[in-house]
Structures are given as structure tokens and as C-alpha cells.
Amino acid sequence: MWADENNNGLKDATEAGISNVLVILHYFNGSTVAVDSQYTDATGGYLFDSLIAGKDLVEIAAINLAPGGPLAGYASSSGNGADNLVPPI
């Protein structure tokens, strides 16, 4: 998890990671079931190391976007380059 300052979809060396973001792992077998969760570390990293074979989904919990949350004021990167950036309000 990082602040994609130039909106290129890649973590560049100058872009900082975002810590304390709640990430939830779901397993899908006809219905979606939450099976694990992690908080990102100081570099924005997280690891789910006991995956069940099949289809998995990673969710960035909505609580992260709430006022005071680690992603408050951010939007998802489109990966289309700096021309598509909207500055935070």
C-alpha cells in the first residue's frame, strides 16, 4: 500500500508506503468468506502466507477511508499517469 504520487500504478523509489491499513483476505467457493486480515507495516507491506487453493480476494476495508483513517483523503490509482491526478481537498 503506497501513495502513488504520479499515478502510474507502480511503487517508485520516492513514493512512501502507508502503514496501519486494514487488509482483509476472502476466499470464494460459491460465496465469499473472510478468512484472515492484516494491517500494513511501516513500508505499506502485508503478507497472507497460508492461502487456500482456489480463488482469493483482497479487500481494503472501508474503515481505512473514514476521517482519521490511514487512507482518508486518498483515491485509488488509475495507473494512467500524472495527467489524471486529482489533488486532495
N, C-alpha and C. Protein backbone atom coordinates (compact mmCIF):
# COMPACT_ATOMS: atom_id res chain seq x y z
N MET A 1 0.86 -1.15 0.00
CA MET A 1 0.00 0.00 0.00
C MET A 1 0.92 1.22 0.00
N TRP A 2 0.73 2.09 -0.99
CA TRP A 2 1.59 3.27 -1.07
C TRP A 2 0.84 4.42 -1.71
N ALA A 3 1.39 5.62 -1.53
CA ALA A 3 0.83 6.82 -2.15
C ALA A 3 1.43 6.94 -3.55
N ASP A 4 0.63 6.64 -4.58
CA ASP A 4 1.08 6.65 -5.96
C ASP A 4 1.04 8.09 -6.49
N GLU A 5 2.06 8.86 -6.12
CA GLU A 5 2.07 10.30 -6.38
C GLU A 5 2.01 10.66 -7.86
N ASN A 6 2.54 9.81 -8.74
CA ASN A 6 2.50 10.12 -10.17
C ASN A 6 1.45 9.29 -10.91
N ASN A 7 0.64 8.52 -10.18
CA ASN A 7 -0.49 7.77 -10.71
C ASN A 7 -0.11 6.83 -11.85
N ASN A 8 1.07 6.19 -11.75
CA ASN A 8 1.48 5.27 -12.81
C ASN A 8 1.21 3.81 -12.47
N GLY A 9 0.66 3.55 -11.28
CA GLY A 9 0.34 2.19 -10.88
C GLY A 9 1.53 1.39 -10.40
N LEU A 10 2.70 2.01 -10.30
CA LEU A 10 3.93 1.36 -9.85
C LEU A 10 4.46 2.06 -8.61
N LYS A 11 5.05 1.28 -7.68
CA LYS A 11 5.65 1.90 -6.50
C LYS A 11 7.06 2.34 -6.86
N ASP A 12 7.21 3.63 -7.05
CA ASP A 12 8.51 4.20 -7.37
C ASP A 12 9.31 4.41 -6.09
N ALA A 13 10.62 4.51 -6.22
CA ALA A 13 11.52 4.61 -5.07
C ALA A 13 11.20 5.79 -4.15
N THR A 14 10.66 6.86 -4.69
CA THR A 14 10.39 8.06 -3.88
C THR A 14 9.00 8.05 -3.24
N GLU A 15 8.18 7.04 -3.53
CA GLU A 15 6.81 7.00 -3.02
C GLU A 15 6.75 6.22 -1.71
N ALA A 16 6.14 6.84 -0.71
CA ALA A 16 6.10 6.27 0.64
C ALA A 16 5.01 5.22 0.79
N GLY A 17 5.31 4.21 1.59
CA GLY A 17 4.30 3.23 1.97
C GLY A 17 3.34 3.83 2.98
N ILE A 18 2.17 3.22 3.11
CA ILE A 18 1.16 3.68 4.06
C ILE A 18 0.94 2.57 5.08
N SER A 19 1.18 2.88 6.34
CA SER A 19 1.06 1.88 7.40
C SER A 19 -0.34 1.88 8.02
N ASN A 20 -0.62 0.81 8.75
CA ASN A 20 -1.86 0.65 9.53
C ASN A 20 -3.13 0.59 8.69
N VAL A 21 -3.02 0.12 7.43
CA VAL A 21 -4.19 -0.07 6.58
C VAL A 21 -4.70 -1.49 6.81
N LEU A 22 -5.98 -1.63 7.15
CA LEU A 22 -6.58 -2.94 7.35
C LEU A 22 -6.87 -3.58 6.00
N VAL A 23 -6.28 -4.76 5.76
CA VAL A 23 -6.46 -5.52 4.53
C VAL A 23 -7.10 -6.85 4.92
N ILE A 24 -8.17 -7.24 4.24
CA ILE A 24 -8.91 -8.45 4.58
C ILE A 24 -8.82 -9.44 3.42
N LEU A 25 -8.50 -10.69 3.73
CA LEU A 25 -8.43 -11.75 2.74
C LEU A 25 -9.73 -12.54 2.76
N HIS A 26 -10.33 -12.71 1.58
CA HIS A 26 -11.56 -13.50 1.43
C HIS A 26 -11.25 -14.70 0.55
N TYR A 27 -11.92 -15.80 0.83
CA TYR A 27 -11.87 -16.99 -0.02
C TYR A 27 -13.24 -17.15 -0.67
N PHE A 28 -13.25 -17.52 -1.95
CA PHE A 28 -14.51 -17.68 -2.66
C PHE A 28 -14.70 -19.13 -3.07
N ASN A 29 -15.80 -19.73 -2.63
CA ASN A 29 -16.16 -21.10 -3.03
C ASN A 29 -17.67 -21.17 -3.25
N GLY A 30 -18.20 -20.27 -4.03
CA GLY A 30 -19.63 -20.13 -4.22
C GLY A 30 -20.18 -18.96 -3.43
N SER A 31 -19.55 -18.67 -2.32
CA SER A 31 -19.83 -17.46 -1.55
C SER A 31 -18.50 -16.94 -1.03
N THR A 32 -18.46 -15.70 -0.64
CA THR A 32 -17.22 -15.08 -0.18
C THR A 32 -17.16 -15.15 1.34
N VAL A 33 -16.03 -15.65 1.85
CA VAL A 33 -15.84 -15.81 3.29
C VAL A 33 -14.53 -15.14 3.69
N ALA A 34 -14.57 -14.23 4.67
CA ALA A 34 -13.35 -13.62 5.18
C ALA A 34 -12.59 -14.67 5.97
N VAL A 35 -11.30 -14.85 5.64
CA VAL A 35 -10.51 -15.89 6.30
C VAL A 35 -9.32 -15.35 7.07
N ASP A 36 -8.91 -14.10 6.82
CA ASP A 36 -7.76 -13.55 7.53
C ASP A 36 -7.75 -12.04 7.34
N SER A 37 -7.00 -11.34 8.16
CA SER A 37 -6.80 -9.90 8.00
C SER A 37 -5.42 -9.54 8.50
N GLN A 38 -4.89 -8.47 7.98
CA GLN A 38 -3.58 -7.96 8.35
C GLN A 38 -3.63 -6.44 8.31
N TYR A 39 -2.73 -5.81 9.05
CA TYR A 39 -2.50 -4.37 8.92
C TYR A 39 -1.18 -4.19 8.20
N THR A 40 -1.11 -3.20 7.31
CA THR A 40 0.14 -2.94 6.62
C THR A 40 1.19 -2.47 7.61
N ASP A 41 2.45 -2.80 7.28
CA ASP A 41 3.57 -2.40 8.13
C ASP A 41 4.05 -0.99 7.76
N ALA A 42 5.15 -0.57 8.31
CA ALA A 42 5.67 0.79 8.08
C ALA A 42 6.00 1.06 6.62
N THR A 43 6.25 0.02 5.83
CA THR A 43 6.56 0.21 4.41
C THR A 43 5.34 0.03 3.52
N GLY A 44 4.16 -0.24 4.14
CA GLY A 44 2.94 -0.47 3.38
C GLY A 44 2.75 -1.92 2.99
N GLY A 45 3.65 -2.79 3.45
CA GLY A 45 3.58 -4.20 3.09
C GLY A 45 2.63 -5.00 3.97
N TYR A 46 2.13 -6.09 3.42
CA TYR A 46 1.32 -7.05 4.16
C TYR A 46 1.54 -8.42 3.53
N LEU A 47 1.26 -9.49 4.29
CA LEU A 47 1.50 -10.83 3.79
C LEU A 47 0.43 -11.78 4.29
N PHE A 48 -0.17 -12.51 3.37
CA PHE A 48 -1.04 -13.63 3.69
C PHE A 48 -0.28 -14.87 3.23
N ASP A 49 0.22 -15.66 4.16
CA ASP A 49 1.11 -16.76 3.80
C ASP A 49 0.50 -18.15 3.90
N SER A 50 -0.77 -18.25 4.22
CA SER A 50 -1.43 -19.55 4.31
C SER A 50 -2.67 -19.58 3.43
N LEU A 51 -2.48 -19.34 2.14
CA LEU A 51 -3.61 -19.27 1.22
C LEU A 51 -4.18 -20.65 0.95
N ILE A 52 -5.49 -20.71 0.85
CA ILE A 52 -6.19 -21.92 0.48
C ILE A 52 -6.23 -21.96 -1.05
N ALA A 53 -5.96 -23.13 -1.64
CA ALA A 53 -6.02 -23.24 -3.10
C ALA A 53 -7.41 -22.85 -3.59
N GLY A 54 -7.47 -22.04 -4.61
CA GLY A 54 -8.74 -21.59 -5.15
C GLY A 54 -8.71 -20.11 -5.45
N LYS A 55 -9.85 -19.48 -5.33
CA LYS A 55 -9.99 -18.06 -5.65
C LYS A 55 -9.96 -17.23 -4.38
N ASP A 56 -9.08 -16.23 -4.37
CA ASP A 56 -8.95 -15.33 -3.23
C ASP A 56 -9.24 -13.91 -3.67
N LEU A 57 -9.67 -13.11 -2.73
CA LEU A 57 -9.98 -11.70 -2.97
C LEU A 57 -9.40 -10.91 -1.81
N VAL A 58 -8.70 -9.82 -2.13
CA VAL A 58 -8.15 -8.94 -1.11
C VAL A 58 -9.00 -7.68 -1.06
N GLU A 59 -9.47 -7.36 0.13
CA GLU A 59 -10.32 -6.18 0.34
C GLU A 59 -9.56 -5.13 1.15
N ILE A 60 -9.64 -3.90 0.71
CA ILE A 60 -9.15 -2.77 1.51
C ILE A 60 -10.38 -2.27 2.26
N ALA A 61 -10.42 -2.51 3.55
CA ALA A 61 -11.60 -2.22 4.36
C ALA A 61 -11.99 -0.74 4.29
N ALA A 62 -13.29 -0.49 4.18
CA ALA A 62 -13.82 0.87 4.06
C ALA A 62 -13.43 1.75 5.25
N ILE A 63 -13.26 1.16 6.41
CA ILE A 63 -12.89 1.94 7.61
C ILE A 63 -11.59 2.71 7.40
N ASN A 64 -10.73 2.23 6.51
CA ASN A 64 -9.47 2.92 6.21
C ASN A 64 -9.69 4.30 5.59
N LEU A 65 -10.83 4.48 4.92
CA LEU A 65 -11.12 5.74 4.22
C LEU A 65 -11.88 6.75 5.08
N ALA A 66 -12.30 6.32 6.27
CA ALA A 66 -13.05 7.20 7.16
C ALA A 66 -12.16 8.34 7.67
N PRO A 67 -12.76 9.45 8.07
CA PRO A 67 -11.96 10.54 8.65
C PRO A 67 -11.07 10.02 9.77
N GLY A 68 -9.80 10.37 9.70
CA GLY A 68 -8.82 9.90 10.67
C GLY A 68 -8.21 8.56 10.31
N GLY A 69 -8.74 7.88 9.30
CA GLY A 69 -8.20 6.60 8.85
C GLY A 69 -6.93 6.79 8.03
N PRO A 70 -6.13 5.74 7.86
CA PRO A 70 -4.86 5.88 7.15
C PRO A 70 -5.00 6.25 5.67
N LEU A 71 -6.18 6.03 5.08
CA LEU A 71 -6.39 6.37 3.68
C LEU A 71 -7.36 7.54 3.47
N ALA A 72 -7.71 8.22 4.54
CA ALA A 72 -8.61 9.38 4.43
C ALA A 72 -8.01 10.40 3.47
N GLY A 73 -8.80 10.83 2.50
CA GLY A 73 -8.35 11.82 1.53
C GLY A 73 -7.67 11.23 0.30
N TYR A 74 -7.46 9.91 0.29
CA TYR A 74 -6.86 9.26 -0.88
C TYR A 74 -7.93 8.69 -1.79
N ALA A 75 -7.56 8.45 -3.04
CA ALA A 75 -8.41 7.75 -4.01
C ALA A 75 -7.56 6.68 -4.65
N SER A 76 -8.18 5.68 -5.24
CA SER A 76 -7.43 4.62 -5.91
C SER A 76 -6.68 5.18 -7.10
N SER A 77 -5.49 4.65 -7.32
CA SER A 77 -4.71 5.00 -8.50
C SER A 77 -5.35 4.37 -9.73
N SER A 78 -5.41 5.12 -10.82
CA SER A 78 -5.90 4.55 -12.07
C SER A 78 -4.75 3.98 -12.89
N GLY A 79 -3.52 4.35 -12.53
CA GLY A 79 -2.35 3.87 -13.26
C GLY A 79 -2.18 4.47 -14.63
N ASN A 80 -2.87 5.59 -14.90
CA ASN A 80 -2.83 6.20 -16.23
C ASN A 80 -1.87 7.36 -16.36
N GLY A 81 -1.08 7.62 -15.35
CA GLY A 81 -0.13 8.71 -15.44
C GLY A 81 -0.61 9.97 -14.76
N ALA A 82 0.29 10.89 -14.57
CA ALA A 82 0.06 12.08 -13.77
C ALA A 82 -1.05 12.99 -14.30
N ASP A 83 -1.39 12.91 -15.59
CA ASP A 83 -2.42 13.79 -16.14
C ASP A 83 -3.79 13.54 -15.52
N ASN A 84 -3.99 12.37 -14.91
CA ASN A 84 -5.28 12.02 -14.35
C ASN A 84 -5.39 12.23 -12.85
N LEU A 85 -4.43 12.87 -12.25
CA LEU A 85 -4.43 13.09 -10.80
C LEU A 85 -5.42 14.17 -10.41
N VAL A 86 -6.07 13.96 -9.29
CA VAL A 86 -6.93 14.98 -8.69
C VAL A 86 -6.34 15.26 -7.31
N PRO A 87 -5.91 16.48 -7.05
CA PRO A 87 -5.29 16.76 -5.75
C PRO A 87 -6.30 16.61 -4.62
N PRO A 88 -5.84 16.15 -3.44
CA PRO A 88 -6.75 16.05 -2.30
C PRO A 88 -7.29 17.41 -1.90
N ILE A 89 -8.48 17.40 -1.39
CA ILE A 89 -9.12 18.65 -0.95
C ILE A 89 -8.79 18.91 0.49
